[in-house]
């Protein structure tokens, strides 16, 4: 089985299934550019699949290197306390697989720039334009 690149987009999870739609869109955008990669979602709680399930699926698909990308804005309790023992257990389970984790979104200069630009764009829109751009938001 050939070795493949694997990315796991790791997010908090929510009780509303629609909450995961942006993450699914991001996964699909990555796959458009890299169709031969294994790109999966994983959730900390309230949604499936779990991080453990997504890592197992990546390994079964032939990944030798797995990059976990935490879609958390900051390094709070979940990334400081909840994730490290789970990550260590995964590394112990799959000792022959390199499992890396990126910094959270808020530690990326390009993400901070994008969020700042988005805030400026929002402030320049009229209320009617803002409602059309974000139909799920109750303003």
Protein backbone atom coordinates (compact mmCIF):
# COMPACT_ATOMS: atom_id res chain seq x y z
CA UNK A 1 0.00 0.00 0.00
CA UNK A 2 1.50 3.39 -0.98
CA UNK A 3 2.12 5.98 1.70
CA UNK A 4 -0.27 8.93 1.57
CA UNK A 5 -0.50 12.30 3.24
CA UNK A 6 -3.19 12.59 5.89
CA UNK A 7 -4.72 15.69 7.42
CA UNK A 8 -7.24 15.53 10.23
CA UNK A 9 -9.24 18.70 10.85
CA UNK A 10 -9.90 18.55 14.57
CA UNK A 11 -12.73 20.67 15.96
CA UNK A 12 -14.76 20.88 19.16
CA UNK A 13 -18.10 19.46 17.98
CA UNK A 14 -21.65 20.56 18.68
CA UNK A 15 -25.12 19.12 19.08
CA UNK A 16 -26.36 20.82 15.87
CA UNK A 17 -25.20 18.90 12.75
CA UNK A 18 -25.14 22.12 10.70
CA UNK A 19 -22.29 23.34 12.89
CA UNK A 20 -19.92 20.97 11.04
CA UNK A 21 -20.73 22.30 7.56
CA UNK A 22 -17.85 24.82 7.39
CA UNK A 23 -15.39 22.08 8.36
CA UNK A 24 -16.80 19.78 5.68
CA UNK A 25 -16.39 22.62 3.17
CA UNK A 26 -12.75 23.11 4.19
CA UNK A 27 -12.11 19.36 3.87
CA UNK A 28 -13.68 19.36 0.40
CA UNK A 29 -11.59 22.37 -0.68
CA UNK A 30 -8.40 20.57 0.36
CA UNK A 31 -9.48 17.45 -1.54
CA UNK A 32 -10.10 19.50 -4.70
CA UNK A 33 -6.44 20.54 -4.68
CA UNK A 34 -5.04 17.26 -3.26
CA UNK A 35 -7.42 14.45 -4.32
CA UNK A 36 -4.87 11.77 -3.44
CA UNK A 37 -4.63 12.86 0.22
CA UNK A 38 -6.61 11.42 3.08
CA UNK A 39 -8.45 14.38 4.61
CA UNK A 40 -10.83 13.74 7.48
CA UNK A 41 -12.72 15.51 10.22
CA UNK A 42 -12.54 14.62 13.90
CA UNK A 43 -14.37 16.06 16.87
CA UNK A 44 -13.54 16.39 20.54
CA UNK A 45 -17.11 15.80 21.67
CA UNK A 46 -20.78 15.70 20.65
CA UNK A 47 -20.05 14.65 17.05
CA UNK A 48 -18.49 11.77 15.15
CA UNK A 49 -15.94 10.70 14.24
CA UNK A 50 -13.64 10.96 17.22
CA UNK A 51 -9.96 11.76 16.82
CA UNK A 52 -9.11 8.14 17.54
CA UNK A 53 -11.46 6.89 14.81
CA UNK A 54 -10.13 9.36 12.24
CA UNK A 55 -6.51 8.47 13.00
CA UNK A 56 -7.31 4.75 12.69
CA UNK A 57 -9.01 5.36 9.33
CA UNK A 58 -5.99 7.35 8.10
CA UNK A 59 -3.65 4.54 9.10
CA UNK A 60 -5.86 1.96 7.38
CA UNK A 61 -5.82 4.16 4.25
CA UNK A 62 -2.01 3.95 4.21
CA UNK A 63 -0.91 7.15 5.96
CA UNK A 64 2.59 7.09 7.41
CA UNK A 65 2.40 10.75 8.48
CA UNK A 66 -0.73 12.30 9.96
CA UNK A 67 -1.08 16.02 10.59
CA UNK A 68 -3.76 17.01 13.08
CA UNK A 69 -4.93 20.57 12.48
CA UNK A 70 -6.82 21.89 15.52
CA UNK A 71 -9.55 24.27 14.43
CA UNK A 72 -9.59 26.03 17.78
CA UNK A 73 -8.98 29.75 18.01
CA UNK A 74 -6.72 29.55 21.05
CA UNK A 75 -4.78 27.06 23.13
CA UNK A 76 -7.34 26.72 25.92
CA UNK A 77 -8.19 23.88 28.26
CA UNK A 78 -9.11 21.40 25.54
CA UNK A 79 -5.77 21.77 23.76
CA UNK A 80 -3.76 22.06 26.98
CA UNK A 81 -5.40 19.33 29.08
CA UNK A 82 -7.80 17.15 27.07
CA UNK A 83 -5.83 16.60 23.87
CA UNK A 84 -2.26 15.78 25.07
CA UNK A 85 -3.10 12.41 26.73
CA UNK A 86 -5.20 11.39 23.73
CA UNK A 87 -2.41 12.36 21.35
CA UNK A 88 0.15 10.46 23.44
CA UNK A 89 -2.08 7.36 23.42
CA UNK A 90 -2.41 7.57 19.64
CA UNK A 91 1.36 7.87 19.24
CA UNK A 92 1.80 4.80 21.46
CA UNK A 93 -0.83 2.84 19.55
CA UNK A 94 0.60 3.72 16.15
CA UNK A 95 4.32 3.86 16.96
CA UNK A 96 5.37 3.44 13.33
CA UNK A 97 3.23 6.43 12.23
CA UNK A 98 4.41 10.03 12.59
CA UNK A 99 1.58 12.03 14.16
CA UNK A 100 2.07 15.80 14.20
CA UNK A 101 -0.18 18.55 15.51
CA UNK A 102 -0.24 22.14 14.29
CA UNK A 103 -0.78 25.17 16.48
CA UNK A 104 -4.35 26.45 16.89
CA UNK A 105 -5.74 28.91 14.34
CA UNK A 106 -5.14 31.94 16.55
CA UNK A 107 -1.39 31.30 16.49
CA UNK A 108 -1.23 31.56 12.69
CA UNK A 109 -0.37 35.03 11.37
CA UNK A 110 -2.22 34.35 8.10
CA UNK A 111 -5.36 33.31 10.00
CA UNK A 112 -5.17 36.38 12.24
CA UNK A 113 -4.84 38.56 9.12
CA UNK A 114 -7.81 36.82 7.48
CA UNK A 115 -9.97 37.29 10.60
CA UNK A 116 -8.97 40.94 10.91
CA UNK A 117 -9.81 41.48 7.23
CA UNK A 118 -13.17 39.77 7.72
CA UNK A 119 -13.96 42.05 10.68
CA UNK A 120 -13.13 45.12 8.56
CA UNK A 121 -15.31 43.82 5.70
CA UNK A 122 -18.20 43.27 8.08
CA UNK A 123 -17.91 46.79 9.46
CA UNK A 124 -18.10 48.22 5.93
CA UNK A 125 -21.33 46.42 5.02
CA UNK A 126 -24.80 47.81 5.50
CA UNK A 127 -27.07 45.81 7.81
CA UNK A 128 -29.04 44.46 4.81
CA UNK A 129 -25.85 43.28 3.07
CA UNK A 130 -24.61 41.62 6.23
CA UNK A 131 -27.85 39.65 6.61
CA UNK A 132 -27.63 38.43 2.99
CA UNK A 133 -24.02 37.29 3.47
CA UNK A 134 -24.75 35.38 6.68
CA UNK A 135 -28.25 33.92 6.34
CA UNK A 136 -27.98 31.67 9.42
CA UNK A 137 -27.08 34.55 11.70
CA UNK A 138 -29.87 36.27 13.56
CA UNK A 139 -28.87 39.92 13.60
